[in-house]
């Protein structure tokens, strides 16, 4: 059996919170009709798909890089680090890895960057779904700790509401200081 892993990230653009990446290996009998780019699915469909992926995948893992690390590295290198962390958290080693985008992390197996891989490769689609749902869930739960910013609504992305709250309140511990948040 030729094991293929897909890796994708979520959270490059937000002003707050972690960047996450997921690595996923699917079996040949996985219900592929559930998959699409995570941005093309409704939140409800993403959550349903993520539960099935976690239950039916050969293996999967989610890697996290935190705001302080993002500020120290920059978002590009932080995204690659999240991908690397996700890959090395898996227990099963694939023979090939496909990563969405132009750049790849350094891994112990062959890695290929695929532009628009999240619409071309099933394993990347599954990784996209897991990374997005994990990050969104984390941002919602963080809003239970600090509800002043509306993270449960915008998940840290640079919305008008988010920027207004930052201006009025200041920055939270999970804001990315290296990002242009305030005018």
Protein backbone atom coordinates (compact mmCIF):
# COMPACT_ATOMS: atom_id res chain seq x y z
CA UNK A 1 0.00 0.00 0.00
CA UNK A 2 1.39 3.39 -1.04
CA UNK A 3 0.74 5.72 1.91
CA UNK A 4 0.28 9.36 0.95
CA UNK A 5 0.03 12.22 3.42
CA UNK A 6 -1.54 15.60 2.79
CA UNK A 7 -0.59 18.67 4.81
CA UNK A 8 -2.27 22.08 4.92
CA UNK A 9 -2.36 24.98 7.32
CA UNK A 10 -4.96 27.39 8.65
CA UNK A 11 -4.54 30.76 10.25
CA UNK A 12 -1.89 32.64 8.29
CA UNK A 13 -3.99 35.79 8.01
CA UNK A 14 -5.47 36.35 11.48
CA UNK A 15 -4.22 39.04 13.83
CA UNK A 16 -4.53 36.74 16.84
CA UNK A 17 -4.18 33.11 17.81
CA UNK A 18 -2.08 30.22 16.57
CA UNK A 19 -1.36 29.00 13.09
CA UNK A 20 -2.26 25.33 12.78
CA UNK A 21 -1.41 22.63 10.28
CA UNK A 22 -2.81 19.16 9.89
CA UNK A 23 -1.22 16.08 8.37
CA UNK A 24 -3.57 13.33 7.17
CA UNK A 25 -3.20 9.86 5.68
CA UNK A 26 -6.43 8.41 4.25
CA UNK A 27 -7.30 4.85 3.36
CA UNK A 28 -8.49 3.82 -0.10
CA UNK A 29 -12.02 3.22 1.23
CA UNK A 30 -12.41 6.67 2.84
CA UNK A 31 -15.70 8.43 1.88
CA UNK A 32 -14.01 10.99 -0.38
CA UNK A 33 -17.29 12.66 -1.36
CA UNK A 34 -17.15 14.47 2.02
CA UNK A 35 -13.99 16.33 1.07
CA UNK A 36 -13.45 19.76 -0.45
CA UNK A 37 -11.29 22.74 0.30
CA UNK A 38 -12.24 23.77 3.85
CA UNK A 39 -13.08 27.29 2.65
CA UNK A 40 -15.70 25.84 0.28
CA UNK A 41 -17.57 24.00 3.05
CA UNK A 42 -20.02 25.44 5.54
CA UNK A 43 -18.94 25.34 9.18
CA UNK A 44 -21.43 22.54 9.83
CA UNK A 45 -20.12 20.42 6.92
CA UNK A 46 -16.50 21.07 8.01
CA UNK A 47 -17.24 19.87 11.54
CA UNK A 48 -19.03 16.75 10.28
CA UNK A 49 -16.20 16.00 7.84
CA UNK A 50 -13.54 16.57 10.51
CA UNK A 51 -15.20 14.07 12.84
CA UNK A 52 -15.29 11.46 10.08
CA UNK A 53 -11.67 12.18 9.09
CA UNK A 54 -10.50 11.75 12.69
CA UNK A 55 -12.46 8.51 13.00
CA UNK A 56 -11.56 6.95 9.64
CA UNK A 57 -8.08 8.24 8.74
CA UNK A 58 -5.13 5.86 8.75
CA UNK A 59 -3.42 8.57 10.83
CA UNK A 60 -3.63 12.31 11.41
CA UNK A 61 -2.16 14.99 13.63
CA UNK A 62 -2.44 18.73 14.16
CA UNK A 63 0.58 20.95 14.76
CA UNK A 64 0.38 24.32 16.47
CA UNK A 65 2.60 27.40 16.44
CA UNK A 66 1.73 30.04 18.99
CA UNK A 67 1.61 33.85 18.60
CA UNK A 68 4.97 34.47 20.31
CA UNK A 69 6.61 31.93 18.01
CA UNK A 70 4.93 33.55 14.99
CA UNK A 71 6.32 36.93 16.06
CA UNK A 72 9.82 35.47 16.44
CA UNK A 73 9.85 33.46 13.20
CA UNK A 74 7.41 35.31 10.87
CA UNK A 75 4.20 33.74 9.58
CA UNK A 76 5.87 31.93 6.65
CA UNK A 77 8.36 30.00 8.80
CA UNK A 78 5.73 29.53 11.52
CA UNK A 79 3.42 27.85 8.98
CA UNK A 80 6.21 25.50 7.87
CA UNK A 81 6.98 24.71 11.52
CA UNK A 82 3.30 23.89 12.19
CA UNK A 83 3.39 21.52 9.20
CA UNK A 84 6.55 19.86 10.48
CA UNK A 85 5.08 19.46 13.97
CA UNK A 86 1.90 17.91 12.56
CA UNK A 87 3.88 15.45 10.45
CA UNK A 88 6.11 14.31 13.30
CA UNK A 89 3.16 13.87 15.66
CA UNK A 90 1.77 11.12 13.40
CA UNK A 91 2.57 7.52 14.30
CA UNK A 92 2.43 6.21 10.72
CA UNK A 93 5.11 7.30 8.23
CA UNK A 94 3.91 7.79 4.65
CA UNK A 95 6.04 7.29 1.56
CA UNK A 96 5.08 10.64 0.03
CA UNK A 97 3.80 13.99 1.35
CA UNK A 98 1.88 16.62 -0.59
CA UNK A 99 1.69 20.13 0.86
CA UNK A 100 -0.68 22.86 -0.26
CA UNK A 101 1.11 25.90 -1.65
CA UNK A 102 4.57 26.77 -2.97
CA UNK A 103 6.77 25.86 -0.02
CA UNK A 104 7.45 22.66 1.90
CA UNK A 105 8.81 21.90 5.35
CA UNK A 106 11.91 19.73 5.60
CA UNK A 107 10.73 16.20 6.38
CA UNK A 108 12.25 12.72 6.44
CA UNK A 109 10.25 11.62 3.37
CA UNK A 110 9.81 13.14 -0.11
CA UNK A 111 7.62 16.27 -0.05
CA UNK A 112 5.96 17.97 -3.02
CA UNK A 113 4.40 21.43 -2.97
CA UNK A 114 1.13 21.59 -4.93
CA UNK A 115 -0.33 24.99 -5.75
CA UNK A 116 -4.08 24.82 -5.15
CA UNK A 117 -3.54 21.39 -3.67
CA UNK A 118 -6.56 21.95 -1.43
CA UNK A 119 -8.77 21.56 -4.50
CA UNK A 120 -6.69 18.85 -6.23
CA UNK A 121 -5.53 16.32 -3.63
CA UNK A 122 -7.90 14.53 -1.26
CA UNK A 123 -5.41 14.19 1.58
CA UNK A 124 -4.69 17.93 1.45
CA UNK A 125 -8.43 18.62 1.50
CA UNK A 126 -8.76 16.48 4.62
CA UNK A 127 -5.80 18.29 6.21
CA UNK A 128 -7.34 21.64 5.31
CA UNK A 129 -10.57 20.66 7.07
CA UNK A 130 -8.81 19.41 10.20
CA UNK A 131 -6.51 22.43 10.48
CA UNK A 132 -9.38 24.90 10.06
CA UNK A 133 -11.75 23.18 12.49
CA UNK A 134 -9.04 22.73 15.13
CA UNK A 135 -8.00 26.37 14.94
CA UNK A 136 -11.59 27.68 14.91
CA UNK A 137 -12.46 25.51 17.91
CA UNK A 138 -9.42 26.84 19.79
CA UNK A 139 -10.38 30.47 19.06
CA UNK A 140 -13.97 29.86 20.23
CA UNK A 141 -12.74 28.28 23.44
CA UNK A 142 -10.32 31.14 24.02
CA UNK A 143 -13.29 33.51 23.75
CA UNK A 144 -14.69 31.75 26.83
CA UNK A 145 -11.61 32.99 28.72
CA UNK A 146 -11.56 36.48 27.20
CA UNK A 147 -14.83 37.51 25.57
CA UNK A 148 -13.90 41.16 24.93
CA UNK A 149 -12.69 40.71 21.33
CA UNK A 150 -15.40 38.58 19.73
CA UNK A 151 -12.98 35.78 18.78
CA UNK A 152 -15.91 33.35 18.60
CA UNK A 153 -17.26 35.40 15.66
CA UNK A 154 -14.19 36.31 13.61
CA UNK A 155 -11.64 33.72 14.86
CA UNK A 156 -8.94 36.43 15.04
CA UNK A 157 -9.20 37.54 11.40
CA UNK A 158 -8.89 41.29 10.71
CA UNK A 159 -12.57 42.25 10.67
CA UNK A 160 -13.86 45.73 11.41
CA UNK A 161 -15.22 44.52 14.79
CA UNK A 162 -11.89 42.95 15.72
CA UNK A 163 -9.88 46.07 14.89
CA UNK A 164 -12.39 48.27 16.76
CA UNK A 165 -12.07 46.12 19.88
CA UNK A 166 -8.26 46.23 19.66
CA UNK A 167 -8.37 50.03 19.44
CA UNK A 168 -10.76 50.30 22.39
CA UNK A 169 -9.22 47.66 24.68
CA UNK A 170 -5.64 47.13 23.49
CA UNK A 171 -4.13 43.81 22.54
CA UNK A 172 -4.69 40.47 24.23
CA UNK A 173 -1.96 37.96 25.10
CA UNK A 174 -2.79 35.99 21.92
CA UNK A 175 -2.42 38.89 19.47
CA UNK A 176 0.44 38.69 17.01
CA UNK A 177 2.60 41.71 17.84
CA UNK A 178 4.50 41.48 14.53
CA UNK A 179 1.28 42.00 12.55
CA UNK A 180 -0.08 45.44 11.73
CA UNK A 181 -3.12 45.48 13.99
CA UNK A 182 -3.59 49.12 14.97
CA UNK A 183 -3.30 52.12 12.61
